[in-house]
Amino acid sequence: MAAPSEEPASSCLAQTCRIMLEVLLLLASFPNKAVVTLQPNWTEVYRGERITLRCEIKDGGDTEWEYEWRTTSSEKPSDQNEHSITSVTGSHSGDYRCKGRKKHTQHSSTDWSDPIKLTVSYAATWQQQWD
């Protein structure tokens, strides 16, 4: 009796490896995207207001991320995904962008997010005149 052919098993393994490689290449062509969000959700705020900037990694899954911020303001955000400012001042005005880097790896990071422009204005005041 002849030994069973190993060709179908090796062919199946090669097919599986090819499919896995295609999936990995596809995932690599659509890297995770960093996005800056702002709460409250408007880019013009008044002096003294509280805001939170958040760096979100779209399609980041359960991956642990380290964060890096870049800004044109004179204030430097922390290296966390959230940066809260309890009382904004004019020095907080500027563009903010972020990126994420997968923890425990050196070479796997997102591109820089699109910038979000924060404008800090003086509160509108009005006086009622009494006759």
N, C-alpha and C. Protein backbone atom coordinates (compact mmCIF):
# COMPACT_ATOMS: atom_id res chain seq x y z
N MET A 1 0.85 -1.17 0.00
CA MET A 1 0.00 0.00 0.00
C MET A 1 0.89 1.23 0.00
N ALA A 2 0.57 2.16 -0.83
CA ALA A 2 1.38 3.36 -0.98
C ALA A 2 1.12 4.32 0.18
N ALA A 3 2.15 5.08 0.54
CA ALA A 3 2.01 6.08 1.60
C ALA A 3 1.12 7.21 1.11
N PRO A 4 0.27 7.75 1.99
CA PRO A 4 -0.60 8.86 1.58
C PRO A 4 0.25 10.06 1.16
N SER A 5 -0.23 10.72 0.16
CA SER A 5 0.50 11.88 -0.37
C SER A 5 0.44 13.04 0.61
N GLU A 6 1.56 13.71 0.78
CA GLU A 6 1.60 14.87 1.66
C GLU A 6 1.35 16.16 0.90
N GLU A 7 1.17 16.04 -0.40
CA GLU A 7 1.00 17.24 -1.23
C GLU A 7 -0.22 18.07 -0.84
N PRO A 8 -1.41 17.47 -0.61
CA PRO A 8 -2.56 18.31 -0.24
C PRO A 8 -2.33 19.08 1.06
N ALA A 9 -1.69 18.46 2.05
CA ALA A 9 -1.46 19.15 3.32
C ALA A 9 -0.49 20.31 3.12
N SER A 10 0.59 20.09 2.38
CA SER A 10 1.55 21.18 2.19
C SER A 10 0.96 22.27 1.31
N SER A 11 0.11 21.90 0.36
CA SER A 11 -0.55 22.88 -0.49
C SER A 11 -1.49 23.75 0.35
N CYS A 12 -2.19 23.11 1.28
CA CYS A 12 -3.11 23.84 2.16
C CYS A 12 -2.32 24.79 3.06
N LEU A 13 -1.19 24.33 3.58
CA LEU A 13 -0.35 25.17 4.43
C LEU A 13 0.17 26.38 3.65
N ALA A 14 0.60 26.15 2.43
CA ALA A 14 1.09 27.25 1.60
C ALA A 14 -0.03 28.26 1.33
N GLN A 15 -1.23 27.76 1.07
CA GLN A 15 -2.38 28.63 0.81
C GLN A 15 -2.70 29.46 2.06
N THR A 16 -2.67 28.83 3.24
CA THR A 16 -2.93 29.54 4.49
C THR A 16 -1.89 30.62 4.73
N CYS A 17 -0.63 30.29 4.51
CA CYS A 17 0.45 31.28 4.69
C CYS A 17 0.28 32.45 3.73
N ARG A 18 -0.10 32.16 2.50
CA ARG A 18 -0.29 33.23 1.51
C ARG A 18 -1.42 34.16 1.94
N ILE A 19 -2.52 33.59 2.41
CA ILE A 19 -3.66 34.40 2.86
C ILE A 19 -3.26 35.25 4.07
N MET A 20 -2.53 34.66 5.02
CA MET A 20 -2.10 35.41 6.20
C MET A 20 -1.19 36.57 5.79
N LEU A 21 -0.31 36.33 4.85
CA LEU A 21 0.59 37.38 4.37
C LEU A 21 -0.21 38.51 3.71
N GLU A 22 -1.22 38.16 2.93
CA GLU A 22 -2.05 39.18 2.28
C GLU A 22 -2.79 40.02 3.32
N VAL A 23 -3.29 39.37 4.37
CA VAL A 23 -3.98 40.10 5.43
C VAL A 23 -3.02 41.05 6.13
N LEU A 24 -1.82 40.58 6.45
CA LEU A 24 -0.84 41.44 7.11
C LEU A 24 -0.45 42.63 6.24
N LEU A 25 -0.29 42.40 4.96
CA LEU A 25 0.04 43.49 4.05
C LEU A 25 -1.10 44.49 3.96
N LEU A 26 -2.32 43.99 3.96
CA LEU A 26 -3.49 44.86 3.92
C LEU A 26 -3.56 45.71 5.19
N LEU A 27 -3.34 45.09 6.35
CA LEU A 27 -3.37 45.84 7.60
C LEU A 27 -2.26 46.90 7.64
N ALA A 28 -1.11 46.56 7.11
CA ALA A 28 0.01 47.51 7.11
C ALA A 28 -0.27 48.70 6.19
N SER A 29 -1.11 48.51 5.19
CA SER A 29 -1.39 49.60 4.27
C SER A 29 -2.45 50.56 4.82
N PHE A 30 -3.11 50.19 5.91
CA PHE A 30 -4.09 51.05 6.56
C PHE A 30 -3.69 51.22 8.02
N PRO A 31 -2.67 52.05 8.28
CA PRO A 31 -2.20 52.19 9.66
C PRO A 31 -3.26 52.87 10.53
N ASN A 32 -3.11 52.66 11.84
CA ASN A 32 -4.00 53.33 12.78
C ASN A 32 -3.87 54.83 12.61
N LYS A 33 -4.96 55.54 12.84
CA LYS A 33 -5.00 56.99 12.64
C LYS A 33 -5.19 57.68 13.98
N ALA A 34 -4.33 58.64 14.27
CA ALA A 34 -4.47 59.45 15.48
C ALA A 34 -5.39 60.63 15.17
N VAL A 35 -6.28 60.94 16.10
CA VAL A 35 -7.23 62.05 15.94
C VAL A 35 -7.30 62.82 17.26
N VAL A 36 -7.18 64.14 17.18
CA VAL A 36 -7.34 64.98 18.37
C VAL A 36 -8.79 65.40 18.47
N THR A 37 -9.38 65.19 19.65
CA THR A 37 -10.74 65.67 19.91
C THR A 37 -10.67 66.68 21.05
N LEU A 38 -11.68 67.51 21.12
CA LEU A 38 -11.72 68.58 22.11
C LEU A 38 -13.08 68.54 22.80
N GLN A 39 -13.07 68.61 24.12
CA GLN A 39 -14.30 68.71 24.91
C GLN A 39 -14.22 69.97 25.74
N PRO A 40 -15.20 70.86 25.68
CA PRO A 40 -16.37 70.82 24.82
C PRO A 40 -15.97 70.91 23.35
N ASN A 41 -16.90 70.51 22.51
CA ASN A 41 -16.58 70.29 21.10
C ASN A 41 -16.66 71.57 20.26
N TRP A 42 -15.97 72.61 20.66
CA TRP A 42 -15.82 73.78 19.79
C TRP A 42 -14.41 74.33 19.98
N THR A 43 -13.87 74.91 18.92
CA THR A 43 -12.45 75.29 18.93
C THR A 43 -12.22 76.71 19.43
N GLU A 44 -13.28 77.48 19.62
CA GLU A 44 -13.11 78.80 20.24
C GLU A 44 -13.67 78.73 21.64
N VAL A 45 -12.83 78.97 22.61
CA VAL A 45 -13.24 78.92 24.01
C VAL A 45 -12.89 80.25 24.66
N TYR A 46 -13.47 80.48 25.84
CA TYR A 46 -13.22 81.73 26.55
C TYR A 46 -12.27 81.51 27.71
N ARG A 47 -11.50 82.54 27.97
CA ARG A 47 -10.55 82.48 29.07
C ARG A 47 -11.24 82.02 30.34
N GLY A 48 -10.59 81.12 31.06
CA GLY A 48 -11.15 80.62 32.32
C GLY A 48 -11.95 79.34 32.18
N GLU A 49 -12.30 78.96 30.95
CA GLU A 49 -13.06 77.72 30.77
C GLU A 49 -12.17 76.50 30.95
N ARG A 50 -12.81 75.38 31.22
CA ARG A 50 -12.11 74.09 31.35
C ARG A 50 -12.28 73.33 30.04
N ILE A 51 -11.18 72.78 29.52
CA ILE A 51 -11.24 71.97 28.30
C ILE A 51 -10.42 70.70 28.48
N THR A 52 -10.70 69.73 27.64
CA THR A 52 -9.91 68.50 27.61
C THR A 52 -9.59 68.17 26.16
N LEU A 53 -8.31 68.04 25.86
CA LEU A 53 -7.85 67.56 24.56
C LEU A 53 -7.59 66.07 24.71
N ARG A 54 -8.02 65.30 23.73
CA ARG A 54 -7.85 63.85 23.81
C ARG A 54 -7.26 63.35 22.50
N CYS A 55 -6.28 62.46 22.61
CA CYS A 55 -5.68 61.81 21.45
C CYS A 55 -6.30 60.42 21.33
N GLU A 56 -7.06 60.21 20.27
CA GLU A 56 -7.72 58.92 20.06
C GLU A 56 -7.06 58.21 18.89
N ILE A 57 -6.82 56.92 19.05
CA ILE A 57 -6.24 56.11 17.99
C ILE A 57 -7.37 55.31 17.37
N LYS A 58 -7.75 55.68 16.15
CA LYS A 58 -8.84 54.99 15.45
C LYS A 58 -8.38 53.59 15.08
N ASP A 59 -9.24 52.61 15.31
CA ASP A 59 -8.95 51.20 15.05
C ASP A 59 -7.73 50.74 15.82
N GLY A 60 -7.52 51.31 17.00
CA GLY A 60 -6.37 50.94 17.81
C GLY A 60 -6.56 49.66 18.59
N GLY A 61 -7.81 49.20 18.67
CA GLY A 61 -8.08 47.95 19.37
C GLY A 61 -7.66 48.01 20.83
N ASP A 62 -7.21 46.87 21.33
CA ASP A 62 -6.81 46.77 22.73
C ASP A 62 -5.32 47.08 22.94
N THR A 63 -4.69 47.62 21.91
CA THR A 63 -3.26 47.92 21.99
C THR A 63 -3.01 48.99 23.05
N GLU A 64 -1.92 48.83 23.80
CA GLU A 64 -1.51 49.87 24.74
C GLU A 64 -0.65 50.87 23.99
N TRP A 65 -0.96 52.15 24.15
CA TRP A 65 -0.29 53.21 23.39
C TRP A 65 0.43 54.16 24.31
N GLU A 66 1.52 54.71 23.81
CA GLU A 66 2.18 55.86 24.41
C GLU A 66 1.86 57.04 23.49
N TYR A 67 1.77 58.23 24.06
CA TYR A 67 1.30 59.38 23.28
C TYR A 67 2.35 60.48 23.25
N GLU A 68 2.34 61.19 22.15
CA GLU A 68 3.23 62.34 21.99
C GLU A 68 2.40 63.47 21.41
N TRP A 69 2.58 64.65 21.95
CA TRP A 69 1.85 65.83 21.51
C TRP A 69 2.81 66.83 20.88
N ARG A 70 2.31 67.58 19.93
CA ARG A 70 3.05 68.69 19.33
C ARG A 70 2.08 69.87 19.27
N THR A 71 2.55 71.05 19.68
CA THR A 71 1.67 72.22 19.70
C THR A 71 2.45 73.49 19.37
N THR A 72 1.73 74.47 18.85
CA THR A 72 2.33 75.78 18.61
C THR A 72 2.07 76.71 19.79
N SER A 73 1.30 76.24 20.78
CA SER A 73 1.05 77.07 21.96
C SER A 73 2.29 77.04 22.85
N SER A 74 2.31 77.91 23.83
CA SER A 74 3.46 77.93 24.74
C SER A 74 3.32 76.90 25.85
N GLU A 75 2.20 76.22 25.91
CA GLU A 75 1.96 75.19 26.92
C GLU A 75 2.25 73.81 26.34
N LYS A 76 2.98 72.98 27.05
CA LYS A 76 3.34 71.64 26.58
C LYS A 76 2.42 70.61 27.22
N PRO A 77 1.62 69.88 26.42
CA PRO A 77 0.77 68.83 26.98
C PRO A 77 1.59 67.68 27.55
N SER A 78 0.96 66.92 28.41
CA SER A 78 1.61 65.74 29.00
C SER A 78 1.76 64.65 27.93
N ASP A 79 2.33 63.53 28.31
CA ASP A 79 2.48 62.42 27.36
C ASP A 79 1.36 61.39 27.53
N GLN A 80 0.24 61.84 28.07
CA GLN A 80 -0.93 60.97 28.23
C GLN A 80 -1.88 61.18 27.05
N ASN A 81 -2.89 60.33 26.93
CA ASN A 81 -3.83 60.50 25.83
C ASN A 81 -4.80 61.65 26.09
N GLU A 82 -4.91 62.09 27.35
CA GLU A 82 -5.80 63.18 27.69
C GLU A 82 -5.02 64.32 28.32
N HIS A 83 -5.36 65.53 27.92
CA HIS A 83 -4.71 66.71 28.49
C HIS A 83 -5.81 67.68 28.89
N SER A 84 -6.01 67.83 30.20
CA SER A 84 -7.05 68.72 30.71
C SER A 84 -6.44 70.04 31.14
N ILE A 85 -7.12 71.11 30.81
CA ILE A 85 -6.71 72.45 31.23
C ILE A 85 -7.88 73.01 32.04
N THR A 86 -7.63 73.29 33.31
CA THR A 86 -8.73 73.70 34.18
C THR A 86 -9.16 75.14 33.98
N SER A 87 -8.25 75.99 33.50
CA SER A 87 -8.59 77.39 33.27
C SER A 87 -7.74 77.91 32.12
N VAL A 88 -8.31 77.90 30.91
CA VAL A 88 -7.52 78.27 29.73
C VAL A 88 -7.17 79.75 29.75
N THR A 89 -6.01 80.04 29.19
CA THR A 89 -5.54 81.42 29.03
C THR A 89 -5.11 81.59 27.57
N GLY A 90 -4.74 82.79 27.22
CA GLY A 90 -4.29 83.05 25.86
C GLY A 90 -3.09 82.21 25.46
N SER A 91 -2.27 81.81 26.43
CA SER A 91 -1.08 81.02 26.10
C SER A 91 -1.43 79.62 25.62
N HIS A 92 -2.67 79.20 25.82
CA HIS A 92 -3.10 77.88 25.34
C HIS A 92 -3.55 77.90 23.88
N SER A 93 -3.72 79.09 23.30
CA SER A 93 -4.12 79.18 21.89
C SER A 93 -3.05 78.56 21.01
N GLY A 94 -3.49 77.87 19.96
CA GLY A 94 -2.53 77.30 19.01
C GLY A 94 -3.05 76.01 18.41
N ASP A 95 -2.21 75.41 17.59
CA ASP A 95 -2.53 74.13 16.95
C ASP A 95 -2.04 72.99 17.84
N TYR A 96 -2.84 71.94 17.93
CA TYR A 96 -2.48 70.75 18.70
C TYR A 96 -2.60 69.54 17.79
N ARG A 97 -1.59 68.67 17.84
CA ARG A 97 -1.65 67.40 17.12
C ARG A 97 -0.98 66.35 17.98
N CYS A 98 -1.28 65.10 17.69
CA CYS A 98 -0.72 64.01 18.49
C CYS A 98 -0.42 62.81 17.61
N LYS A 99 0.31 61.87 18.19
CA LYS A 99 0.49 60.58 17.54
C LYS A 99 0.63 59.54 18.64
N GLY A 100 0.40 58.29 18.27
CA GLY A 100 0.52 57.20 19.22
C GLY A 100 1.63 56.25 18.80
N ARG A 101 2.25 55.66 19.81
CA ARG A 101 3.28 54.65 19.57
C ARG A 101 2.91 53.44 20.41
N LYS A 102 2.90 52.27 19.78
CA LYS A 102 2.56 51.07 20.53
C LYS A 102 3.59 50.84 21.62
N LYS A 103 3.11 50.58 22.84
CA LYS A 103 4.03 50.32 23.94
C LYS A 103 4.84 49.08 23.64
N HIS A 104 6.04 49.08 24.16
CA HIS A 104 6.96 47.93 24.06
C HIS A 104 7.49 47.72 22.65
N THR A 105 7.29 48.68 21.74
CA THR A 105 7.90 48.59 20.41
C THR A 105 8.50 49.95 20.08
N GLN A 106 9.52 49.95 19.29
CA GLN A 106 10.17 51.21 18.93
C GLN A 106 9.68 51.76 17.60
N HIS A 107 9.23 50.89 16.72
CA HIS A 107 9.03 51.32 15.33
C HIS A 107 7.58 51.32 14.87
N SER A 108 6.64 51.11 15.75
CA SER A 108 5.25 51.03 15.33
C SER A 108 4.48 52.22 15.89
N SER A 109 4.32 53.25 15.07
CA SER A 109 3.58 54.43 15.53
C SER A 109 2.66 54.92 14.42
N THR A 110 1.71 55.73 14.82
CA THR A 110 0.80 56.34 13.86
C THR A 110 1.50 57.54 13.23
N ASP A 111 0.90 58.07 12.19
CA ASP A 111 1.33 59.37 11.67
C ASP A 111 0.80 60.44 12.62
N TRP A 112 1.30 61.65 12.48
CA TRP A 112 0.76 62.75 13.26
C TRP A 112 -0.69 63.00 12.85
N SER A 113 -1.53 63.32 13.82
CA SER A 113 -2.92 63.64 13.52
C SER A 113 -2.99 64.95 12.75
N ASP A 114 -4.14 65.20 12.16
CA ASP A 114 -4.40 66.53 11.61
C ASP A 114 -4.47 67.49 12.80
N PRO A 115 -4.06 68.74 12.62
CA PRO A 115 -4.08 69.66 13.77
C PRO A 115 -5.50 70.12 14.08
N ILE A 116 -5.70 70.43 15.35
CA ILE A 116 -6.92 71.10 15.77
C ILE A 116 -6.47 72.46 16.30
N LYS A 117 -7.12 73.52 15.86
CA LYS A 117 -6.71 74.88 16.24
C LYS A 117 -7.59 75.35 17.39
N LEU A 118 -6.96 75.69 18.49
CA LEU A 118 -7.66 76.19 19.67
C LEU A 118 -7.45 77.70 19.75
N THR A 119 -8.56 78.43 19.83
CA THR A 119 -8.51 79.88 19.96
C THR A 119 -9.13 80.26 21.30
N VAL A 120 -8.36 80.96 22.11
CA VAL A 120 -8.86 81.41 23.42
C VAL A 120 -9.19 82.89 23.30
N SER A 121 -10.45 83.22 23.60
CA SER A 121 -10.92 84.61 23.50
C SER A 121 -11.28 85.13 24.88
N TYR A 122 -11.28 86.45 24.98
CA TYR A 122 -11.79 87.06 26.20
C TYR A 122 -13.30 86.89 26.20
N ALA A 123 -13.87 86.73 27.37
CA ALA A 123 -15.32 86.56 27.47
C ALA A 123 -16.00 87.83 26.99
N ALA A 124 -17.07 87.63 26.27
CA ALA A 124 -17.86 88.78 25.80
C ALA A 124 -18.51 89.44 27.01
N THR A 125 -18.39 90.72 27.08
CA THR A 125 -19.01 91.44 28.20
C THR A 125 -19.96 92.49 27.63
N TRP A 126 -20.95 92.82 28.40
CA TRP A 126 -21.86 93.87 27.99
C TRP A 126 -22.30 94.62 29.23
N GLN A 127 -22.63 95.84 29.04
CA GLN A 127 -23.11 96.67 30.13
C GLN A 127 -24.47 97.21 29.75
N GLN A 128 -25.32 97.16 30.71
CA GLN A 128 -26.63 97.76 30.48
C GLN A 128 -26.58 99.17 31.05
N GLN A 129 -27.02 100.11 30.27
CA GLN A 129 -27.02 101.49 30.75
C GLN A 129 -28.41 101.83 31.25
N TRP A 130 -28.40 102.47 32.41
CA TRP A 130 -29.67 102.88 33.00
C TRP A 130 -29.85 104.37 32.77
N ASP A 131 -31.00 104.73 32.34
CA ASP A 131 -31.29 106.16 32.13
C ASP A 131 -31.81 106.80 33.38
